C-alpha atoms as a PDB file:
ATOM      1  CA  MET A   1      -8.739 -42.930 -12.646  1.00  0.00           C
ATOM      2  CA  SER A   2      -7.098 -40.837 -15.340  1.00  0.00           C
ATOM      3  CA  ASP A   3      -6.209 -38.204 -12.742  1.00  0.00           C
ATOM      4  CA  ALA A   4      -4.388 -40.848 -10.703  1.00  0.00           C
ATOM      5  CA  PHE A   5      -2.409 -41.955 -13.764  1.00  0.00           C
ATOM      6  CA  ASP A   6      -1.640 -38.331 -14.608  1.00  0.00           C
ATOM      7  CA  ALA A   7      -0.379 -37.787 -11.055  1.00  0.00           C
ATOM      8  CA  ILE A   8       1.730 -40.959 -11.218  1.00  0.00           C
ATOM      9  CA  GLY A   9       3.071 -39.912 -14.621  1.00  0.00           C
ATOM     10  CA  GLY A  10       3.870 -36.461 -13.275  1.00  0.00           C
ATOM     11  CA  ILE A  11       5.680 -37.930 -10.309  1.00  0.00           C
ATOM     12  CA  ALA A  12       7.595 -40.340 -12.575  1.00  0.00           C
ATOM     13  CA  ASP A  13       8.606 -37.407 -14.788  1.00  0.00           C
ATOM     14  CA  LEU A  14       9.678 -35.494 -11.704  1.00  0.00           C
ATOM     15  CA  PHE A  15      11.817 -38.393 -10.490  1.00  0.00           C
ATOM     16  CA  TRP A  16      13.485 -38.654 -13.922  1.00  0.00           C
ATOM     17  CA  THR A  17      14.140 -34.907 -13.893  1.00  0.00           C
ATOM     18  CA  VAL A  18      15.468 -35.062 -10.346  1.00  0.00           C
ATOM     19  CA  SER A  19      17.705 -38.001 -11.253  1.00  0.00           C
ATOM     20  CA  THR A  20      19.085 -36.158 -14.263  1.00  0.00           C
ATOM     21  CA  ASN A  21      19.571 -32.990 -12.234  1.00  0.00           C
ATOM     22  CA  ASN A  22      21.344 -35.011  -9.544  1.00  0.00           C
ATOM     23  CA  LYS A  23      23.773 -36.390 -12.116  1.00  0.00           C
ATOM     24  CA  ILE A  24      24.425 -32.915 -13.499  1.00  0.00           C
ATOM     25  CA  SER A  25      24.863 -31.540  -9.980  1.00  0.00           C
ATOM     26  CA  ASP A  26      27.260 -34.357  -9.107  1.00  0.00           C
ATOM     27  CA  LEU A  27      29.336 -33.574 -12.180  1.00  0.00           C
ATOM     28  CA  ASN A  28      29.294 -29.850 -11.388  1.00  0.00           C
ATOM     29  CA  ARG A  29      30.402 -30.562  -7.816  1.00  0.00           C
ATOM     30  CA  GLU A  30      33.194 -32.779  -9.099  1.00  0.00           C
ATOM     31  CA  VAL A  31      34.342 -30.024 -11.485  1.00  0.00           C
ATOM     32  CA  ASP A  32      34.216 -27.514  -8.631  1.00  0.00           C
ATOM     33  CA  ARG A  33      36.134 -29.894  -6.393  1.00  0.00           C
ATOM     34  CA  LEU A  34      38.806 -30.405  -9.037  1.00  0.00           C
ATOM     35  CA  LYS A  35      39.083 -26.645  -9.542  1.00  0.00           C
ATOM     36  CA  GLN A  36      39.462 -26.122  -5.799  1.00  0.00           C
ATOM     37  CA  THR A  37      42.081 -28.838  -5.607  1.00  0.00           C
ATOM     38  CA  ALA A  38      44.041 -27.307  -8.462  1.00  0.00           C
ATOM     39  CA  CYS A  39      43.868 -23.812  -6.951  1.00  0.00           C
ATOM     40  CA  SER A  40      44.196 -24.667  -3.282  1.00  0.00           C
ATOM     41  CA  SER A  41      47.236 -23.675  -1.335  1.00  0.00           C
ATOM     42  CA  ALA A  42      48.959 -25.374   1.565  1.00  0.00           C
ATOM     43  CA  ASN A  43      46.778 -23.279   3.888  1.00  0.00           C
ATOM     44  CA  SER A  44      43.464 -24.715   2.662  1.00  0.00           C
ATOM     45  CA  ASP A  45      41.149 -26.175   5.265  1.00  0.00           C
ATOM     46  CA  PRO A  46      39.855 -29.623   4.216  1.00  0.00           C
ATOM     47  CA  LEU A  47      37.320 -29.621   7.047  1.00  0.00           C
ATOM     48  CA  GLN A  48      35.807 -26.354   5.804  1.00  0.00           C
ATOM     49  CA  ASN A  49      35.638 -27.801   2.290  1.00  0.00           C
ATOM     50  CA  GLN A  50      33.727 -30.818   3.617  1.00  0.00           C
ATOM     51  CA  ILE A  51      31.361 -28.531   5.533  1.00  0.00           C
ATOM     52  CA  ASP A  52      30.752 -26.468   2.378  1.00  0.00           C
ATOM     53  CA  GLU A  53      30.054 -29.630   0.366  1.00  0.00           C
ATOM     54  CA  LEU A  54      27.629 -30.871   3.036  1.00  0.00           C
ATOM     55  CA  ARG A  55      25.840 -27.513   3.052  1.00  0.00           C
ATOM     56  CA  ALA A  56      25.503 -27.615  -0.734  1.00  0.00           C
ATOM     57  CA  ALA A  57      24.232 -31.211  -0.654  1.00  0.00           C
ATOM     58  CA  ASN A  58      21.770 -30.359   2.116  1.00  0.00           C
ATOM     59  CA  GLY A  59      20.469 -27.391   0.135  1.00  0.00           C
ATOM     60  CA  GLU A  60      20.005 -29.563  -2.928  1.00  0.00           C
ATOM     61  CA  LEU A  61      18.155 -32.235  -0.942  1.00  0.00           C
ATOM     62  CA  ARG A  62      15.902 -29.578   0.588  1.00  0.00           C
ATOM     63  CA  LEU A  63      15.104 -28.324  -2.915  1.00  0.00           C
ATOM     64  CA  TYR A  64      14.113 -31.777  -4.189  1.00  0.00           C
ATOM     65  CA  VAL A  65      12.100 -32.698  -1.105  1.00  0.00           C
ATOM     66  CA  SER A  66      10.297 -29.351  -1.260  1.00  0.00           C
ATOM     67  CA  THR A  67       9.564 -29.934  -4.934  1.00  0.00           C
ATOM     68  CA  LEU A  68       8.135 -33.402  -4.268  1.00  0.00           C
ATOM     69  CA  LEU A  69       5.991 -32.127  -1.419  1.00  0.00           C
ATOM     70  CA  ARG A  70       4.729 -29.229  -3.510  1.00  0.00           C
ATOM     71  CA  VAL A  71       3.758 -31.574  -6.372  1.00  0.00           C
ATOM     72  CA  LEU A  72       1.909 -33.887  -3.991  1.00  0.00           C
ATOM     73  CA  GLN A  73       0.077 -30.942  -2.460  1.00  0.00           C
ATOM     74  CA  ASP A  74      -0.695 -29.217  -5.783  1.00  0.00           C
ATOM     75  CA  LYS A  75      -2.061 -32.462  -7.262  1.00  0.00           C
ATOM     76  CA  GLY A  76      -4.347 -32.828  -4.247  1.00  0.00           C
ATOM     77  CA  ILE A  77      -2.729 -36.120  -3.267  1.00  0.00           C
ATOM     78  CA  VAL A  78      -1.955 -34.956   0.264  1.00  0.00           C
ATOM     79  CA  THR A  79      -2.617 -31.843   2.328  1.00  0.00           C
ATOM     80  CA  ARG A  80      -0.119 -29.804   4.313  1.00  0.00           C
ATOM     81  CA  ASP A  81      -1.780 -30.915   7.565  1.00  0.00           C
ATOM     82  CA  ASP A  82      -1.495 -34.580   6.524  1.00  0.00           C
ATOM     83  CA  LEU A  83       2.217 -34.086   5.817  1.00  0.00           C
ATOM     84  CA  LEU A  84       2.829 -32.346   9.142  1.00  0.00           C
ATOM     85  CA  LYS A  85       1.037 -35.129  11.036  1.00  0.00           C
ATOM     86  CA  LEU A  86       3.113 -37.750   9.232  1.00  0.00           C
ATOM     87  CA  VAL A  87       6.338 -35.873  10.016  1.00  0.00           C
ATOM     88  CA  GLU A  88       5.415 -35.845  13.711  1.00  0.00           C
ATOM     89  CA  GLN A  89       4.536 -39.543  13.610  1.00  0.00           C
ATOM     90  CA  LEU A  90       7.784 -40.536  11.876  1.00  0.00           C
ATOM     91  CA  ASP A  91       9.881 -38.325  14.143  1.00  0.00           C
ATOM     92  CA  ALA A  92       8.463 -40.107  17.204  1.00  0.00           C
ATOM     93  CA  GLU A  93       8.918 -43.645  15.834  1.00  0.00           C
ATOM     94  CA  ASP A  94      12.438 -44.010  17.207  1.00  0.00           C
ATOM     95  CA  GLY A  95      11.330 -42.857  20.655  1.00  0.00           C
ATOM     96  CA  CYS A  96      12.917 -39.421  20.414  1.00  0.00           C
ATOM     97  CA  ARG A  97      11.360 -36.303  18.905  1.00  0.00           C
ATOM     98  CA  ASP A  98      14.506 -34.717  17.521  1.00  0.00           C
ATOM     99  CA  GLN A  99      13.616 -33.554  14.001  1.00  0.00           C
ATOM    100  CA  SER A 100      15.490 -36.569  12.656  1.00  0.00           C
ATOM    101  CA  TYR A 101      14.529 -39.929  11.188  1.00  0.00           C
ATOM    102  CA  GLU A 102      16.756 -42.979  11.133  1.00  0.00           C
ATOM    103  CA  GLY A 103      14.081 -45.542  10.236  1.00  0.00           C
ATOM    104  CA  ASP A 104      13.376 -47.401   7.020  1.00  0.00           C
ATOM    105  CA  LEU A 105      12.410 -45.232   4.066  1.00  0.00           C
ATOM    106  CA  LEU A 106       9.464 -47.465   3.242  1.00  0.00           C
ATOM    107  CA  PRO A 107       7.413 -49.463   5.758  1.00  0.00           C
END
């Protein structure tokens, strides 16, 4: 039972860390955006800036999801095969296997 509480505590700590890191990242992105705005010329491409921001956000999300999955796997809470099966199941829930999920986050 103690192992379960340790795992839950570890996950709670991870979520707090992720939340704090998200806030710091948001502030850093805002600083970067303000710098770009101040330095941009009339020739700047707002669409490219949005694409760059989306790429950065996607990379950050991938980092956090990978971290969560690694913690779950390292703690023995779930195996890689279990995760892959669940990904396939969730991907098919909307009737289209497209490496995307538009459903509810929690059942």
